[in-house]
Amino acid sequence: MFAGIRSVHFVGIGGTAMASVAAAMREKGVHVTGSDQNVYPPMSTFLAERKIEVMAGYAEPNLAHKPDLVVIGNAISRGNPEAEVVLEKKLRYCSLPELLKEFFIRGKRSLVVSGTHGKTTTTSLLAWVFEHNGFNPSYLIGGIPNNFGQGARFTDSEWFIIEGDEYDTAFFDKRSKFVHYLPEVAIINNLEFDHADIFENLATIQTAFKRFINLIPRNGQLLANGDDPNLAPLLNVTHCPVKRFGLGEDNAWRAYNLTLAPTVSEFETPSFKFRIGMLGELNVRNALAVVACARHCGLKNNQIQSAFDTFKGIKRRMEVRGVSGGVTIVDDFGHHPTAIRETLRALRIKFKGQRIWAVFEPRTNTTRRNVFQAELVEAFADADAVVVSQVARLELLQPHERLDPARLMQDLKTSGKNAAYLADADAIVDHISKGAEGGDVVCVFTNGGFGGIHGKLLERLAHVRR
């Protein structure tokens, strides 16, 4: 399909995955160029260090050199000048998942981690288990594991460990990204409604996962959360072996005798007692999925535990950014109500008896909508105080679709919460610096930069006298 490719241009090269793959293509001896609207560190530095030319902004002349292949990023839509010239001049083009499939995954043993929640943590932990035990795997992860310091690596190993996202592939391919990843082993952590901009309802998401399951070969394995009712209808397949994992008695891989402590979580399987330096039941489930997959691939319990002992976590997943004025600032990527709820439950264990503030930025295409209007109230059950920032780009949604901030505030206050809806990061910093006391914990939930709120909080709290 891609024979004779000597030059590749990446449209939207600034994304973590796009930049990582661009660098890997250059290492293969391919001439690489790219363009993006706004490339900033760390990816701008990453690309510059690898001498990859990045053109600022999207423009037709960026393709004047007529590359052999154009990789069009997931965020690019019709109307983009480079996408338009590709179609007009009939240049050869593909999506990033297609490129991965043909250049990097084909012929390898692909372990794909999917599900609504926990993908990044599970993939990072699985990759570290293989790395720690000398397998030197290739991996692609939608976050930065602290053990690796980068979200992607491409090696000559037979193993390829990849985070399988159900989001669509490109404007010209509306299938989920994970259908391109040639799964030998597929992990499905859970399944809930999300991505309201591309999925109409839960059933359409289930259909996407059915298509993914249908690609597992007869010598592969499906490892699925056996406790998840939304997954259950998808698991009655005969084309490949299926093993369920979870806390319930009917699972082939079952965790029991859980100990959820402030710095460590422990669980038993029939053959071994595992411990992991991550918090809460959500991370027990993530670790159990890793155990099931690693054991299937031939690793022993003590090899897995040895990797667990040295796992350093992931940036932006319950990451303590600092303590200032006696107040602990935590950064978390959570943006779905379930992720927020489970993270707050885990923080309750870690910071027992301390007051917890939850600061939430509704910026995803789902949380800007009212599909989780009621669920958001329940998600903050374990917070003492809740601060929600102004909903991003609300005016772009139809009035009947929008999250209703006034109702959210009212419902939170009715449930006994100290709740505030504020314009931006600076207003939130003012609010918290006046109300926070020594010993408090502030967890910021956002999948964006949120106006540098973490650094601003740490700086301001350092100057507030307790």
Protein backbone atom coordinates (compact mmCIF):
# COMPACT_ATOMS: atom_id res chain seq x y z
CA MET A 1 0.00 0.00 0.00
CA PHE A 2 2.77 2.43 0.93
CA ALA A 3 5.59 1.11 -1.22
CA GLY A 4 8.07 3.68 -2.50
CA ILE A 5 7.26 6.33 0.09
CA ARG A 6 10.28 8.66 0.39
CA SER A 7 8.62 11.86 1.64
CA VAL A 8 5.72 12.39 4.03
CA HIS A 9 3.92 15.55 5.10
CA PHE A 10 1.92 15.62 8.35
CA VAL A 11 -1.05 18.02 8.48
CA GLY A 12 -1.50 18.76 12.18
CA ILE A 13 1.98 17.62 13.23
CA GLY A 14 1.84 19.29 16.66
CA GLY A 15 -0.20 16.55 18.35
CA THR A 16 1.71 14.14 20.58
CA ALA A 17 0.96 11.05 18.48
CA MET A 18 1.48 12.82 15.12
CA ALA A 19 4.84 14.28 16.20
CA SER A 20 6.02 10.95 17.64
CA VAL A 21 5.14 9.07 14.45
CA ALA A 22 6.69 11.81 12.29
CA ALA A 23 9.96 11.38 14.21
CA ALA A 24 9.78 7.60 13.78
CA MET A 25 9.25 8.01 10.03
CA ARG A 26 12.31 10.23 9.84
CA GLU A 27 14.31 7.54 11.63
CA LYS A 28 13.22 5.17 8.86
CA GLY A 29 14.99 7.47 6.39
CA VAL A 30 11.87 9.20 5.08
CA HIS A 31 11.96 12.96 4.43
CA VAL A 32 9.40 14.47 6.84
CA THR A 33 7.69 17.86 6.86
CA GLY A 34 4.67 19.07 8.78
CA SER A 35 2.35 21.96 9.44
CA ASP A 36 0.20 23.09 12.33
CA GLN A 37 -1.68 26.12 13.57
CA ASN A 38 0.06 26.41 16.90
CA VAL A 39 2.96 24.17 17.87
CA TYR A 40 4.23 24.72 21.41
CA PRO A 41 6.47 22.87 23.87
CA PRO A 42 7.06 20.09 24.53
CA MET A 43 6.23 18.93 20.97
CA SER A 44 7.80 21.95 19.23
CA THR A 45 11.07 21.22 21.05
CA PHE A 46 10.74 17.50 20.31
CA LEU A 47 10.37 18.16 16.56
CA ALA A 48 13.13 20.80 16.44
CA GLU A 49 15.58 18.43 18.15
CA ARG A 50 14.87 15.89 15.41
CA LYS A 51 15.36 18.51 12.68
CA ILE A 52 11.80 18.16 11.38
CA GLU A 53 10.63 21.24 9.51
CA VAL A 54 7.33 22.60 10.85
CA MET A 55 5.44 25.17 8.78
CA ALA A 56 3.38 27.62 10.83
CA GLY A 57 -0.27 27.57 9.82
CA TYR A 58 -2.02 25.67 7.04
CA ALA A 59 -1.50 26.80 3.45
CA GLU A 60 -1.49 25.31 -0.06
CA PRO A 61 2.22 26.17 -0.68
CA ASN A 62 3.13 23.82 2.21
CA LEU A 63 2.46 20.97 -0.24
CA ALA A 64 4.26 22.51 -3.21
CA HIS A 65 7.04 19.93 -2.87
CA LYS A 66 4.45 17.20 -3.67
CA PRO A 67 5.21 14.66 -0.93
CA ASP A 68 4.68 10.97 -1.70
CA LEU A 69 2.18 10.74 1.16
CA VAL A 70 0.16 13.22 3.23
CA VAL A 71 -0.95 12.17 6.73
CA ILE A 72 -4.07 14.11 7.71
CA GLY A 73 -4.62 14.52 11.45
CA ASN A 74 -7.82 13.75 13.30
CA ALA A 75 -8.45 17.45 14.09
CA ILE A 76 -8.34 18.50 10.42
CA SER A 77 -11.67 19.12 8.69
CA ARG A 78 -12.90 20.06 5.21
CA GLY A 79 -12.06 23.65 4.41
CA ASN A 80 -8.50 23.27 5.68
CA PRO A 81 -6.42 24.56 2.73
CA GLU A 82 -4.04 21.60 2.82
CA ALA A 83 -6.85 19.04 2.99
CA GLU A 84 -8.50 20.79 0.04
CA VAL A 85 -5.36 20.76 -2.13
CA VAL A 86 -4.76 17.06 -1.30
CA LEU A 87 -8.22 16.18 -2.59
CA GLU A 88 -8.02 18.52 -5.58
CA LYS A 89 -4.57 17.36 -6.76
CA LYS A 90 -5.40 13.73 -5.88
CA LEU A 91 -2.30 13.39 -3.74
CA ARG A 92 -1.90 10.12 -1.85
CA TYR A 93 -3.19 10.58 1.71
CA CYS A 94 -4.09 8.56 4.79
CA SER A 95 -4.96 8.93 8.46
CA LEU A 96 -2.48 8.48 11.30
CA PRO A 97 -4.04 5.13 12.40
CA GLU A 98 -3.68 3.83 8.81
CA LEU A 99 -0.03 4.86 8.75
CA LEU A 100 0.57 3.15 12.10
CA LYS A 101 -1.10 -0.02 10.85
CA GLU A 102 0.96 -0.33 7.67
CA PHE A 103 4.35 1.00 8.77
CA PHE A 104 4.59 0.04 12.42
CA ILE A 105 2.06 -2.58 13.58
CA ARG A 106 1.68 -5.05 10.72
CA GLY A 107 3.64 -8.22 11.45
CA LYS A 108 3.96 -7.43 15.16
CA ARG A 109 2.09 -8.73 18.20
CA SER A 110 -0.34 -5.92 18.90
CA LEU A 111 -1.78 -5.46 22.40
CA VAL A 112 -4.57 -2.89 22.25
CA VAL A 113 -6.01 -1.28 25.41
CA SER A 114 -9.48 0.22 24.97
CA GLY A 115 -12.48 1.38 26.99
CA THR A 116 -14.08 4.63 28.11
CA HIS A 117 -11.84 5.03 31.18
CA GLY A 118 -8.38 3.96 32.26
CA LYS A 119 -6.85 3.46 28.80
CA THR A 120 -3.80 5.64 29.36
CA THR A 121 -3.03 4.24 32.81
CA THR A 122 -3.51 0.62 31.74
CA THR A 123 -1.45 1.02 28.55
CA SER A 124 1.35 2.77 30.45
CA LEU A 125 1.45 0.08 33.12
CA LEU A 126 1.35 -2.73 30.54
CA ALA A 127 4.16 -1.14 28.51
CA TRP A 128 6.25 -0.79 31.68
CA VAL A 129 5.69 -4.45 32.63
CA PHE A 130 7.10 -5.46 29.23
CA GLU A 131 9.93 -2.90 29.32
CA HIS A 132 10.96 -3.78 32.90
CA ASN A 133 11.22 -7.41 31.91
CA GLY A 134 13.44 -6.79 28.90
CA PHE A 135 10.96 -7.03 26.00
CA ASN A 136 11.75 -3.52 24.65
CA PRO A 137 8.20 -2.99 23.29
CA SER A 138 7.04 -0.36 20.83
CA TYR A 139 4.25 1.67 22.37
CA LEU A 140 1.92 4.58 21.65
CA ILE A 141 0.09 6.13 24.61
CA GLY A 142 -2.16 9.18 24.87
CA GLY A 143 -0.25 10.52 27.88
CA ILE A 144 3.25 10.70 29.33
CA PRO A 145 4.24 7.72 31.55
CA ASN A 146 6.84 8.91 34.06
CA ASN A 147 8.92 5.75 33.58
CA PHE A 148 9.42 6.54 29.88
CA GLY A 149 9.21 10.33 29.74
CA GLN A 150 7.54 10.21 26.32
CA GLY A 151 4.24 8.97 24.94
CA ALA A 152 5.57 6.87 22.07
CA ARG A 153 8.49 4.71 21.05
CA PHE A 154 9.09 2.47 18.06
CA THR A 155 11.51 -0.46 18.35
CA ASP A 156 12.40 -3.68 16.51
CA SER A 157 10.63 -5.75 19.20
CA GLU A 158 7.81 -8.10 18.19
CA TRP A 159 5.54 -6.36 20.74
CA PHE A 160 3.48 -3.27 20.00
CA ILE A 161 1.41 -1.89 22.93
CA ILE A 162 -1.09 0.79 21.98
CA GLU A 163 -3.89 2.81 23.52
CA GLY A 164 -6.97 2.09 21.39
CA ASP A 165 -9.23 5.11 21.16
CA GLU A 166 -12.86 4.78 20.04
CA TYR A 167 -12.86 8.35 18.69
CA ASP A 168 -13.15 8.68 14.91
CA THR A 169 -10.11 8.33 12.65
CA ALA A 170 -10.30 11.34 10.31
CA PHE A 171 -12.81 13.49 8.43
CA PHE A 172 -12.73 10.90 5.62
CA ASP A 173 -12.88 7.83 7.88
CA LYS A 174 -15.50 7.93 10.63
CA ARG A 175 -14.61 4.51 12.01
CA SER A 176 -13.01 4.37 15.45
CA LYS A 177 -9.22 4.60 15.49
CA PHE A 178 -8.84 1.20 17.15
CA VAL A 179 -10.17 -0.72 14.13
CA HIS A 180 -6.80 -0.04 12.46
CA TYR A 181 -4.60 -1.56 15.17
CA LEU A 182 -4.61 -5.29 14.27
CA PRO A 183 -5.30 -6.51 17.83
CA GLU A 184 -3.87 -9.85 18.89
CA VAL A 185 -4.96 -9.18 22.47
CA ALA A 186 -7.68 -6.61 23.08
CA ILE A 187 -8.39 -5.24 26.54
CA ILE A 188 -11.74 -3.50 27.06
CA ASN A 189 -11.71 -1.81 30.46
CA ASN A 190 -15.31 -0.57 30.43
CA LEU A 191 -17.90 0.98 28.16
CA GLU A 192 -19.98 4.11 28.76
CA PHE A 193 -21.53 6.87 26.70
CA ASP A 194 -18.98 9.54 25.73
CA HIS A 195 -17.99 11.66 22.71
CA ALA A 196 -21.45 13.08 22.16
CA ASP A 197 -20.17 14.95 19.10
CA ILE A 198 -19.70 11.72 17.11
CA PHE A 199 -21.78 9.05 18.88
CA GLU A 200 -25.54 9.40 19.01
CA ASN A 201 -26.12 7.09 21.97
CA LEU A 202 -24.70 4.14 23.91
CA ALA A 203 -25.79 1.68 21.22
CA THR A 204 -23.63 3.37 18.57
CA ILE A 205 -20.60 3.10 20.87
CA GLN A 206 -21.37 -0.57 21.46
CA THR A 207 -21.46 -1.05 17.68
CA ALA A 208 -17.98 0.52 17.38
CA PHE A 209 -16.65 -1.91 20.02
CA LYS A 210 -18.35 -4.84 18.25
CA ARG A 211 -16.39 -3.97 15.10
CA PHE A 212 -13.20 -3.88 17.15
CA ILE A 213 -13.92 -7.26 18.77
CA ASN A 214 -14.62 -8.70 15.34
CA LEU A 215 -10.95 -8.11 14.35
CA ILE A 216 -9.40 -10.28 17.09
CA PRO A 217 -7.91 -13.42 15.47
CA ARG A 218 -8.67 -16.97 16.61
CA ASN A 219 -5.18 -17.21 18.17
CA GLY A 220 -5.69 -13.94 20.03
CA GLN A 221 -7.71 -13.08 23.13
CA LEU A 222 -10.39 -10.65 24.25
CA LEU A 223 -9.93 -9.52 27.86
CA ALA A 224 -13.05 -7.67 28.97
CA ASN A 225 -14.42 -6.19 32.18
CA GLY A 226 -16.90 -8.84 33.27
CA ASP A 227 -18.56 -6.51 35.78
CA ASP A 228 -19.69 -3.97 33.17
CA PRO A 229 -23.34 -4.41 32.08
CA ASN A 230 -22.79 -2.30 28.94
CA LEU A 231 -20.07 -4.70 27.78
CA ALA A 232 -21.92 -7.94 28.57
CA PRO A 233 -23.97 -8.08 25.32
CA LEU A 234 -20.78 -7.87 23.25
CA LEU A 235 -18.91 -10.80 24.81
CA ASN A 236 -20.85 -13.76 23.42
CA VAL A 237 -18.44 -14.37 20.55
CA THR A 238 -16.92 -17.63 19.36
CA HIS A 239 -14.30 -16.46 16.84
CA CYS A 240 -11.68 -15.83 19.55
CA PRO A 241 -11.10 -16.78 23.21
CA VAL A 242 -12.80 -14.46 25.72
CA LYS A 243 -11.70 -13.98 29.32
CA ARG A 244 -13.50 -11.71 31.75
CA PHE A 245 -11.72 -9.80 34.52
CA GLY A 246 -13.12 -7.88 37.47
CA LEU A 247 -14.18 -8.09 41.09
CA GLY A 248 -17.25 -10.30 40.62
CA GLU A 249 -17.19 -14.05 41.27
CA ASP A 250 -17.91 -15.02 37.66
CA ASN A 251 -14.70 -13.52 36.25
CA ALA A 252 -11.86 -15.75 35.02
CA TRP A 253 -9.44 -13.15 36.38
CA ARG A 254 -10.85 -11.98 39.70
CA ALA A 255 -9.40 -9.53 42.21
CA TYR A 256 -10.51 -9.99 45.82
CA ASN A 257 -9.43 -9.00 49.34
CA LEU A 258 -8.80 -5.45 48.19
CA THR A 259 -6.83 -3.14 50.47
CA LEU A 260 -7.18 0.49 49.39
CA ALA A 261 -4.62 2.49 51.39
CA PRO A 262 -3.37 6.11 51.08
CA THR A 263 -0.22 5.20 49.13
CA VAL A 264 -0.79 1.67 47.83
CA SER A 265 -3.57 -0.61 46.61
CA GLU A 266 -3.39 -4.37 47.13
CA PHE A 267 -5.46 -7.18 45.70
CA GLU A 268 -5.34 -10.94 45.50
CA THR A 269 -5.87 -13.33 42.61
CA PRO A 270 -6.11 -17.10 43.18
CA SER A 271 -2.40 -17.40 42.41
CA PHE A 272 -0.78 -14.27 43.86
CA LYS A 273 -1.13 -11.12 45.97
CA PHE A 274 -0.38 -7.98 43.95
CA ARG A 275 0.30 -4.44 45.11
CA ILE A 276 0.49 -1.27 43.08
CA GLY A 277 1.49 2.26 44.10
CA MET A 278 -1.68 3.74 42.63
CA LEU A 279 -4.86 4.63 44.43
CA GLY A 280 -8.39 3.35 44.49
CA GLU A 281 -10.57 0.63 43.05
CA LEU A 282 -10.28 2.11 39.55
CA ASN A 283 -6.54 1.39 39.54
CA VAL A 284 -7.03 -2.12 40.95
CA ARG A 285 -9.16 -2.82 37.87
CA ASN A 286 -6.52 -1.28 35.58
CA ALA A 287 -3.77 -3.38 37.20
CA LEU A 288 -5.89 -6.55 37.01
CA ALA A 289 -6.31 -6.06 33.25
CA VAL A 290 -2.52 -5.75 32.95
CA VAL A 291 -2.01 -8.94 35.00
CA ALA A 292 -4.43 -10.87 32.77
CA CYS A 293 -2.78 -9.64 29.56
CA ALA A 294 0.82 -10.13 30.74
CA ARG A 295 0.07 -13.65 31.99
CA HIS A 296 -1.55 -14.50 28.65
CA CYS A 297 1.65 -13.31 26.94
CA GLY A 298 3.81 -15.58 29.09
CA LEU A 299 5.01 -13.40 31.96
CA LYS A 300 5.05 -14.72 35.52
CA ASN A 301 3.44 -13.13 38.57
CA ASN A 302 6.75 -12.13 40.16
CA GLN A 303 7.87 -10.45 36.90
CA ILE A 304 4.64 -8.45 36.83
CA GLN A 305 4.92 -7.48 40.50
CA SER A 306 8.54 -6.40 40.05
CA ALA A 307 7.38 -3.95 37.36
CA PHE A 308 4.48 -2.76 39.54
CA ASP A 309 7.02 -1.98 42.30
CA THR A 310 8.92 0.37 40.01
CA PHE A 311 6.01 2.01 38.16
CA LYS A 312 6.06 5.80 38.59
CA GLY A 313 2.60 6.73 37.32
CA ILE A 314 1.49 9.04 34.53
CA LYS A 315 1.52 12.79 34.19
CA ARG A 316 -1.92 14.35 34.73
CA ARG A 317 -3.39 11.28 36.42
CA MET A 318 -3.88 12.20 40.10
CA GLU A 319 -0.53 13.99 39.79
CA VAL A 320 0.42 16.11 42.81
CA ARG A 321 1.79 19.32 41.27
CA GLY A 322 2.93 20.81 44.55
CA VAL A 323 2.03 22.01 48.02
CA SER A 324 1.77 25.75 48.67
CA GLY A 325 0.57 27.51 51.80
CA GLY A 326 -0.26 24.08 53.19
CA VAL A 327 -2.64 23.40 50.25
CA THR A 328 -1.99 20.41 47.96
CA ILE A 329 -2.64 20.97 44.23
CA VAL A 330 -3.54 17.85 42.22
CA ASP A 331 -3.81 17.68 38.42
CA ASP A 332 -6.15 15.14 36.83
CA PHE A 333 -7.23 14.57 33.23
CA GLY A 334 -10.71 13.39 34.30
CA HIS A 335 -13.54 14.91 32.28
CA HIS A 336 -16.23 12.18 32.25
CA PRO A 337 -18.47 11.99 35.37
CA THR A 338 -17.35 8.41 36.12
CA ALA A 339 -13.66 9.36 35.94
CA ILE A 340 -14.26 12.38 38.21
CA ARG A 341 -16.22 10.28 40.72
CA GLU A 342 -13.62 7.50 40.89
CA THR A 343 -10.71 9.93 41.19
CA LEU A 344 -12.39 11.78 44.06
CA ARG A 345 -13.07 8.46 45.79
CA ALA A 346 -9.37 7.59 45.52
CA LEU A 347 -8.35 11.04 46.80
CA ARG A 348 -10.65 10.52 49.81
CA ILE A 349 -8.50 7.48 50.67
CA LYS A 350 -5.20 9.30 50.13
CA PHE A 351 -6.20 12.50 51.94
CA LYS A 352 -8.42 11.06 54.65
CA GLY A 353 -10.13 13.71 56.76
CA GLN A 354 -8.90 16.61 54.64
CA ARG A 355 -11.12 19.07 52.81
CA ILE A 356 -11.20 18.42 49.06
CA TRP A 357 -11.97 21.06 46.44
CA ALA A 358 -12.92 19.86 42.94
CA VAL A 359 -12.24 22.37 40.16
CA PHE A 360 -13.75 21.37 36.82
CA GLU A 361 -13.38 22.80 33.33
CA PRO A 362 -16.22 21.58 31.04
CA ARG A 363 -14.41 21.76 27.69
CA THR A 364 -14.97 18.42 25.94
CA ASN A 365 -17.66 18.03 23.32
CA THR A 366 -19.60 15.85 25.75
CA THR A 367 -19.35 17.83 29.00
CA ARG A 368 -20.29 21.07 27.22
CA ARG A 369 -23.59 19.38 26.46
CA ASN A 370 -26.37 18.52 28.91
CA VAL A 371 -26.07 14.74 28.44
CA PHE A 372 -24.38 14.49 31.86
CA GLN A 373 -26.34 17.28 33.58
CA ALA A 374 -27.53 15.01 36.44
CA GLU A 375 -24.48 12.69 36.47
CA LEU A 376 -22.11 15.60 37.11
CA VAL A 377 -23.85 16.38 40.39
CA GLU A 378 -23.36 12.78 41.56
CA ALA A 379 -19.75 12.76 40.30
CA PHE A 380 -18.77 15.40 42.87
CA ALA A 381 -20.23 13.48 45.85
CA ASP A 382 -16.81 13.08 47.51
CA ALA A 383 -15.82 16.75 47.15
CA ASP A 384 -16.44 19.28 49.91
CA ALA A 385 -16.40 22.26 47.54
CA VAL A 386 -16.91 22.42 43.77
CA VAL A 387 -15.81 25.16 41.39
CA VAL A 388 -16.85 24.99 37.73
CA SER A 389 -15.33 27.28 35.11
CA GLN A 390 -17.33 28.90 32.34
CA VAL A 391 -18.39 26.31 29.79
CA ALA A 392 -16.15 26.57 26.73
CA ARG A 393 -17.70 27.67 23.40
CA LEU A 394 -21.23 27.27 24.77
CA GLU A 395 -22.61 29.64 22.13
CA LEU A 396 -21.65 27.16 19.39
CA LEU A 397 -24.21 24.64 20.68
CA GLN A 398 -27.95 24.76 20.20
CA PRO A 399 -29.70 26.06 23.37
CA HIS A 400 -31.45 22.72 23.96
CA GLU A 401 -28.08 20.89 23.85
CA ARG A 402 -26.13 23.06 26.28
CA LEU A 403 -25.05 22.17 29.80
CA ASP A 404 -27.04 24.40 32.15
CA PRO A 405 -24.51 25.90 34.61
CA ALA A 406 -27.17 27.62 36.74
CA ARG A 407 -29.00 24.33 37.25
CA LEU A 408 -25.74 22.53 37.98
CA MET A 409 -24.89 25.08 40.68
CA GLN A 410 -28.36 24.84 42.19
CA ASP A 411 -28.29 21.03 42.25
CA LEU A 412 -24.81 20.98 43.82
CA LYS A 413 -25.87 23.45 46.52
CA THR A 414 -29.05 21.45 47.18
CA SER A 415 -26.85 18.38 47.71
CA GLY A 416 -24.95 20.30 50.41
CA LYS A 417 -21.93 21.42 48.40
CA ASN A 418 -20.19 24.76 48.53
CA ALA A 419 -20.40 25.46 44.77
CA ALA A 420 -19.33 28.33 42.51
CA TYR A 421 -19.47 28.99 38.75
CA LEU A 422 -16.68 31.36 37.73
CA ALA A 423 -15.48 32.94 34.50
CA ASP A 424 -11.93 31.67 34.15
CA ALA A 425 -8.74 30.40 35.80
CA ASP A 426 -7.88 33.79 37.33
CA ALA A 427 -11.31 34.15 38.96
CA ILE A 428 -11.03 30.62 40.33
CA VAL A 429 -7.55 31.31 41.75
CA ASP A 430 -8.96 34.40 43.53
CA HIS A 431 -11.88 32.38 44.91
CA ILE A 432 -9.77 29.48 46.19
CA SER A 433 -7.00 31.66 47.63
CA LYS A 434 -9.62 33.38 49.80
CA GLY A 435 -11.32 30.18 50.95
CA ALA A 436 -8.63 27.50 51.11
CA GLU A 437 -6.92 26.63 54.38
CA GLY A 438 -3.81 24.66 55.28
CA GLY A 439 -4.46 20.94 54.85
CA ASP A 440 -6.93 21.43 51.99
CA VAL A 441 -6.57 19.54 48.70
CA VAL A 442 -7.49 21.15 45.37
CA CYS A 443 -7.96 18.71 42.48
CA VAL A 444 -8.19 20.35 39.05
CA PHE A 445 -10.07 18.30 36.45
CA THR A 446 -9.28 19.31 32.88
CA ASN A 447 -8.02 17.77 29.66
CA GLY A 448 -6.53 21.11 28.57
CA GLY A 449 -4.14 23.76 29.84
CA PHE A 450 -6.87 25.63 31.77
CA GLY A 451 -5.02 28.96 31.68
CA GLY A 452 -2.06 27.63 33.66
CA ILE A 453 -4.27 27.34 36.73
CA HIS A 454 -2.02 24.86 38.59
CA GLY A 455 0.99 27.18 38.58
CA LYS A 456 -1.14 30.22 39.37
CA LEU A 457 -2.69 28.48 42.40
CA LEU A 458 0.71 27.41 43.73
CA GLU A 459 2.10 30.92 43.29
CA ARG A 460 -0.87 32.73 44.84
CA LEU A 461 -1.25 30.37 47.80
CA ALA A 462 2.43 30.84 48.65
CA HIS A 463 1.69 34.52 49.29
CA VAL A 464 -1.53 34.11 51.23
CA ARG A 465 -0.94 34.21 54.96
CA ARG A 466 -2.56 31.32 56.77
